[in-house]
Amino acid sequence: MSSMPKIFQQELSEYTYPLSRGSFLRILALAAANGVIIWLLALAFDRMMLTPVFCSSADQASMCVNSAAWSSYIALVLVGIMMVPLLIMFGVKRPLVVVIAATVALWGTNLWTSGLWTTSILWTIAASTLVYLAVIWINRIRGNAAAILFVAIFVLLARVVLSL
């Protein structure tokens, strides 16, 4: 517990924007809720919209096979759109960069929706939370070009790690 006060010391830096402990905890809760909503929306789109519409005939077999992937892509985009105003309310700098980077990094999480629902929702929550927190933490850099560059490097690394 002694490391927590060191992480959230309110030292002003000319290189990064400050992030208080309260803001960090609110963003943590928002990112975890984001993972739950992504998983629930992807499941709902797959079970209630895409599968009944596209799997009724044999002509659209390719869409039926990929319905879980399509539903997770739709859920990621919709939740990302809903995250932008919430991140603005929490005082996150460059929220559109954060949402685009997190959406690109999480683009392949539809593979985790197969299998047991408990493990798939836990993996989706964990990945969403870690990606959003990491992108927001990296995005604290004051220079726009440097922040976007480091966020892009993180997204590339996250894509590699999440694809393993």
Protein backbone atom coordinates (compact mmCIF):
# COMPACT_ATOMS: atom_id res chain seq x y z
CA MET A 1 0.00 0.00 0.00
CA SER A 2 2.96 2.32 0.32
CA SER A 3 3.29 2.64 -3.45
CA MET A 4 -0.21 4.11 -3.94
CA PRO A 5 0.60 7.51 -2.39
CA LYS A 6 3.73 7.74 -4.55
CA ILE A 7 1.77 7.13 -7.75
CA PHE A 8 -0.85 9.78 -7.06
CA GLN A 9 1.29 12.55 -5.62
CA GLN A 10 0.02 15.88 -6.85
CA GLU A 11 3.36 17.14 -8.11
CA LEU A 12 2.99 19.56 -10.96
CA SER A 13 5.01 18.56 -13.98
CA GLU A 14 5.66 20.49 -17.12
CA TYR A 15 5.50 17.24 -19.12
CA THR A 16 2.26 15.59 -17.96
CA TYR A 17 -1.23 16.60 -16.92
CA PRO A 18 -2.11 15.74 -13.32
CA LEU A 19 -4.44 12.84 -12.53
CA SER A 20 -5.87 12.68 -9.03
CA ARG A 21 -6.64 9.48 -7.19
CA GLY A 22 -10.39 10.19 -7.33
CA SER A 23 -10.29 10.73 -11.09
CA PHE A 24 -8.27 7.56 -11.55
CA LEU A 25 -10.76 5.51 -9.52
CA ARG A 26 -13.73 6.97 -11.42
CA ILE A 27 -12.04 6.16 -14.72
CA LEU A 28 -11.27 2.65 -13.42
CA ALA A 29 -14.94 2.07 -12.62
CA LEU A 30 -15.97 3.53 -15.99
CA ALA A 31 -13.53 1.29 -17.86
CA ALA A 32 -14.77 -1.82 -16.03
CA ALA A 33 -18.39 -0.87 -16.79
CA ASN A 34 -17.30 -0.31 -20.38
CA GLY A 35 -16.10 -3.92 -20.56
CA VAL A 36 -19.40 -5.23 -19.21
CA ILE A 37 -21.42 -3.12 -21.65
CA ILE A 38 -19.27 -4.20 -24.61
CA TRP A 39 -19.77 -7.86 -23.72
CA LEU A 40 -23.52 -7.49 -23.14
CA LEU A 41 -24.09 -5.50 -26.34
CA ALA A 42 -22.03 -7.94 -28.40
CA LEU A 43 -24.04 -10.85 -27.01
CA ALA A 44 -27.34 -9.05 -27.56
CA PHE A 45 -26.50 -8.06 -31.14
CA ASP A 46 -25.36 -11.59 -31.92
CA ARG A 47 -28.29 -13.43 -30.35
CA MET A 48 -31.15 -11.01 -31.03
CA MET A 49 -30.27 -9.24 -34.28
CA LEU A 50 -27.57 -10.75 -36.46
CA THR A 51 -28.22 -14.47 -35.98
CA PRO A 52 -32.02 -14.30 -36.48
CA VAL A 53 -31.73 -12.01 -39.50
CA PHE A 54 -28.75 -13.47 -41.34
CA CYS A 55 -28.83 -17.13 -40.33
CA SER A 56 -32.36 -17.87 -41.55
CA SER A 57 -31.22 -18.77 -45.08
CA ALA A 58 -28.25 -20.71 -46.44
CA ASP A 59 -27.36 -17.86 -48.81
CA GLN A 60 -25.72 -15.82 -46.07
CA ALA A 61 -23.64 -18.53 -44.40
CA SER A 62 -20.49 -16.39 -44.23
CA MET A 63 -22.31 -13.66 -42.30
CA CYS A 64 -23.79 -16.27 -39.98
CA VAL A 65 -20.36 -17.73 -39.22
CA ASN A 66 -18.92 -14.30 -38.42
CA SER A 67 -21.91 -12.92 -36.52
CA ALA A 68 -20.04 -12.89 -33.19
CA ALA A 69 -17.21 -10.88 -34.73
CA TRP A 70 -19.57 -8.40 -36.38
CA SER A 71 -21.58 -7.96 -33.18
CA SER A 72 -18.46 -7.25 -31.13
CA TYR A 73 -17.29 -4.69 -33.70
CA ILE A 74 -20.65 -2.93 -33.54
CA ALA A 75 -20.59 -3.00 -29.72
CA LEU A 76 -17.05 -1.59 -29.59
CA VAL A 77 -17.94 1.32 -31.85
CA LEU A 78 -21.20 2.14 -30.04
CA VAL A 79 -19.62 2.00 -26.59
CA GLY A 80 -16.69 4.07 -27.84
CA ILE A 81 -19.08 6.76 -29.04
CA MET A 82 -20.76 6.75 -25.63
CA MET A 83 -17.38 6.95 -23.85
CA VAL A 84 -16.29 10.26 -25.41
CA PRO A 85 -18.67 12.54 -23.43
CA LEU A 86 -18.07 10.56 -20.24
CA LEU A 87 -14.32 10.98 -20.57
CA ILE A 88 -14.85 14.69 -21.19
CA MET A 89 -16.87 14.89 -17.96
CA PHE A 90 -14.03 13.19 -16.06
CA GLY A 91 -11.51 15.69 -17.40
CA VAL A 92 -9.50 13.37 -19.64
CA LYS A 93 -7.38 15.24 -22.16
CA ARG A 94 -7.88 14.27 -25.84
CA PRO A 95 -10.80 11.86 -25.21
CA LEU A 96 -11.30 11.12 -28.91
CA VAL A 97 -7.69 9.93 -29.18
CA VAL A 98 -8.25 7.71 -26.13
CA VAL A 99 -11.44 6.16 -27.52
CA ILE A 100 -10.04 5.57 -31.01
CA ALA A 101 -6.86 4.03 -29.60
CA ALA A 102 -8.77 1.78 -27.18
CA THR A 103 -11.19 0.69 -29.91
CA VAL A 104 -8.35 -0.22 -32.25
CA ALA A 105 -6.51 -2.07 -29.47
CA LEU A 106 -9.64 -4.02 -28.46
CA TRP A 107 -10.79 -4.77 -32.01
CA GLY A 108 -10.19 -8.54 -31.77
CA THR A 109 -11.81 -9.26 -28.42
CA ASN A 110 -14.70 -11.06 -30.11
CA LEU A 111 -12.63 -14.25 -29.95
CA TRP A 112 -13.09 -14.28 -26.18
CA THR A 113 -16.86 -14.47 -26.41
CA SER A 114 -16.80 -18.19 -27.13
CA GLY A 115 -16.62 -20.71 -24.33
CA LEU A 116 -17.83 -20.18 -20.79
CA TRP A 117 -19.60 -16.88 -20.35
CA THR A 118 -17.92 -16.18 -17.00
CA THR A 119 -14.41 -16.39 -18.40
CA SER A 120 -15.31 -14.45 -21.53
CA ILE A 121 -16.87 -11.58 -19.59
CA LEU A 122 -13.95 -11.49 -17.16
CA TRP A 123 -11.42 -11.38 -20.02
CA THR A 124 -13.40 -8.66 -21.77
CA ILE A 125 -13.63 -6.57 -18.58
CA ALA A 126 -9.94 -7.05 -17.81
CA ALA A 127 -8.80 -6.19 -21.33
CA SER A 128 -11.08 -3.16 -21.60
CA THR A 129 -10.07 -1.84 -18.19
CA LEU A 130 -6.35 -2.30 -18.73
CA VAL A 131 -6.38 -0.83 -22.23
CA TYR A 132 -8.41 2.25 -21.27
CA LEU A 133 -6.35 2.91 -18.14
CA ALA A 134 -3.06 2.51 -20.00
CA VAL A 135 -4.13 4.76 -22.87
CA ILE A 136 -5.40 7.43 -20.47
CA TRP A 137 -2.20 7.22 -18.44
CA ILE A 138 -0.01 7.54 -21.55
CA ASN A 139 -2.26 10.31 -22.91
CA ARG A 140 -1.37 12.53 -19.93
CA ILE A 141 1.68 13.77 -21.87
CA ARG A 142 1.29 17.49 -22.56
CA GLY A 143 2.54 17.57 -26.15
CA ASN A 144 -0.07 16.50 -28.68
CA ALA A 145 2.37 14.89 -31.12
CA ALA A 146 4.24 13.03 -28.38
CA ALA A 147 1.02 11.80 -26.77
CA ILE A 148 -0.37 10.54 -30.07
CA LEU A 149 2.95 8.87 -30.94
CA PHE A 150 3.21 7.04 -27.61
CA VAL A 151 -0.46 6.06 -27.71
CA ALA A 152 0.04 4.66 -31.23
CA ILE A 153 3.06 2.65 -30.06
CA PHE A 154 1.00 1.30 -27.16
CA VAL A 155 -1.85 0.36 -29.50
CA LEU A 156 0.55 -1.59 -31.71
CA LEU A 157 1.96 -3.42 -28.70
CA ALA A 158 -1.52 -4.09 -27.31
CA ARG A 159 -2.66 -5.52 -30.65
CA VAL A 160 0.30 -7.90 -30.61
CA VAL A 161 -0.28 -8.97 -27.01
CA LEU A 162 -4.06 -9.35 -27.36
CA SER A 163 -3.69 -11.40 -30.53
CA LEU A 164 -1.58 -14.06 -28.78
